[in-house]
Protein backbone atom coordinates (compact mmCIF):
# COMPACT_ATOMS: atom_id res chain seq x y z
CA MET A 1 74.92 137.27 65.07
CA ASN A 2 76.90 136.17 62.07
CA LEU A 3 76.66 132.36 62.20
CA TYR A 4 79.60 131.93 59.87
CA LEU A 5 81.89 133.87 62.23
CA PHE A 6 80.44 132.00 65.22
CA TRP A 7 81.27 128.71 63.51
CA LYS A 8 84.86 129.90 62.96
CA LEU A 9 85.12 131.02 66.60
CA SER A 10 83.91 127.63 67.79
CA ARG A 11 86.55 125.92 65.65
CA ILE A 12 89.26 128.22 67.04
CA ARG A 13 88.12 127.48 70.60
CA ARG A 14 88.25 123.73 69.99
CA ALA A 15 91.73 123.95 68.44
CA VAL A 16 93.10 126.10 71.27
CA LYS A 17 91.71 123.79 73.96
CA GLN A 18 93.44 120.89 72.21
CA LEU A 19 96.71 122.87 72.09
CA VAL A 20 96.51 123.69 75.80
CA THR A 21 95.84 120.07 76.68
CA ALA A 22 98.74 118.95 74.44
CA LYS A 23 101.01 121.28 76.42
CA GLY A 24 100.25 119.21 79.50
CA VAL A 25 97.70 121.56 81.02
CA GLY A 26 94.33 120.24 82.00
CA ARG A 27 94.96 116.54 81.47
CA ALA A 28 93.12 115.42 84.59
CA LYS A 29 89.36 115.22 84.30
CA THR A 30 88.96 117.78 87.07
CA VAL A 31 91.42 120.23 85.52
CA ARG A 32 90.39 121.12 82.00
CA PRO A 33 91.22 124.29 80.11
CA TRP A 34 88.30 126.49 79.22
CA MET A 35 87.97 129.35 76.83
CA PHE A 36 85.63 132.17 75.89
CA TRP A 37 85.72 135.16 73.59
CA ILE A 38 84.50 138.72 73.78
CA GLY A 39 84.53 141.66 71.42
CA ALA A 40 82.76 143.35 68.55
CA TYR A 41 84.10 140.86 65.99
CA ASP A 42 80.82 141.03 64.07
CA ILE A 43 81.48 144.74 63.46
CA ASP A 44 85.13 144.19 62.59
CA PRO A 45 86.94 140.82 62.96
CA LYS A 46 89.96 142.57 64.52
CA TYR A 47 87.92 143.34 67.65
CA LEU A 48 88.29 139.88 69.11
CA PHE A 49 89.67 138.91 72.49
CA PHE A 50 90.04 135.29 73.61
CA VAL A 51 90.46 134.30 77.25
CA ILE A 52 92.09 130.94 77.89
CA GLY A 53 91.42 129.75 81.42
CA VAL A 54 93.60 127.33 83.32
CA GLN A 55 93.55 126.26 86.95
CA THR A 56 96.84 127.53 88.35
CA ASP A 57 99.16 130.51 88.09
CA ARG A 58 101.97 128.07 87.34
CA GLU A 59 100.13 126.67 84.30
CA ARG A 60 99.31 130.21 83.15
CA ASP A 61 102.90 131.38 83.45
CA ARG A 62 104.24 128.34 81.62
CA LEU A 63 101.87 128.90 78.67
CA ARG A 64 102.56 132.64 78.57
CA ALA A 65 106.31 131.97 78.33
CA ASP A 66 105.94 129.37 75.56
CA GLN A 67 106.75 131.15 72.27
CA GLN A 68 105.78 128.12 70.22
CA PHE A 69 102.33 128.18 71.86
CA SER A 70 101.92 131.85 70.88
CA LYS A 71 102.68 130.97 67.27
CA GLN A 72 100.24 128.07 67.42
CA LEU A 73 97.49 130.39 68.65
CA MET A 74 98.00 132.64 65.65
CA GLN A 75 98.08 129.60 63.38
CA ALA A 76 94.65 128.60 64.71
CA LEU A 77 93.32 131.87 63.26
CA ALA A 78 94.86 131.09 59.88
CA THR A 79 93.57 127.51 59.92
CA VAL A 80 89.95 128.68 60.06
CA ASP A 81 90.68 131.49 57.60
CA TRP A 82 90.00 134.32 60.03
CA PRO A 83 90.39 137.50 57.96
CA GLU A 84 94.11 138.00 57.42
CA ALA A 85 94.04 141.78 57.95
CA ALA A 86 92.42 141.26 61.37
CA ARG A 87 94.76 138.56 62.70
CA PRO A 88 97.49 140.86 64.08
CA TYR A 89 94.88 142.62 66.23
CA VAL A 90 93.28 139.53 67.76
CA LYS A 91 94.36 139.07 71.39
CA PHE A 92 94.76 135.89 73.41
CA GLU A 93 94.85 136.25 77.20
CA ILE A 94 95.88 133.32 79.37
CA GLN A 95 94.55 133.58 82.90
CA SER A 96 94.29 131.30 85.90
CA ASP A 97 91.40 130.51 88.17
CA GLU A 98 93.76 131.13 91.12
CA THR A 99 94.27 134.74 90.01
CA ILE A 100 90.56 135.28 89.38
CA LYS A 101 89.74 134.03 92.87
CA ARG A 102 92.48 136.15 94.43
CA GLU A 103 91.86 139.39 92.50
CA SER A 104 88.18 139.28 91.55
CA GLY A 105 86.50 137.13 94.17
CA GLY A 106 86.17 134.27 91.71
CA SER A 107 84.18 136.24 89.13
CA TRP A 108 85.56 135.95 85.62
CA HIS A 109 82.93 138.43 84.45
CA ALA A 110 84.00 141.08 86.97
CA HIS A 111 87.66 140.51 86.15
CA TYR A 112 87.15 141.32 82.47
CA GLN A 113 84.79 144.28 82.83
């Protein structure tokens, strides 16, 4: 594993969690946003897929519709100097725990296989 890329990914995750919380999602101690990444980013940085998890479908839909939030996600890549040529290919998926429970029996792993 490329530790330098891992460090950048950790910084992106932290920034995105702060953005989600600032949008009013996950403010309660029991409802916090979570995030993970998958992909072959160590082969090519464009093969990166982030999943942003929130509790409810309502929170998910509100974030998906927020154009400013989408721009802020892309800015998080620029802030950590993720390779510029790869940035347009990086994907951010916002998903809710409600949907995962309903569609995949509560398994985030099964949902993204």
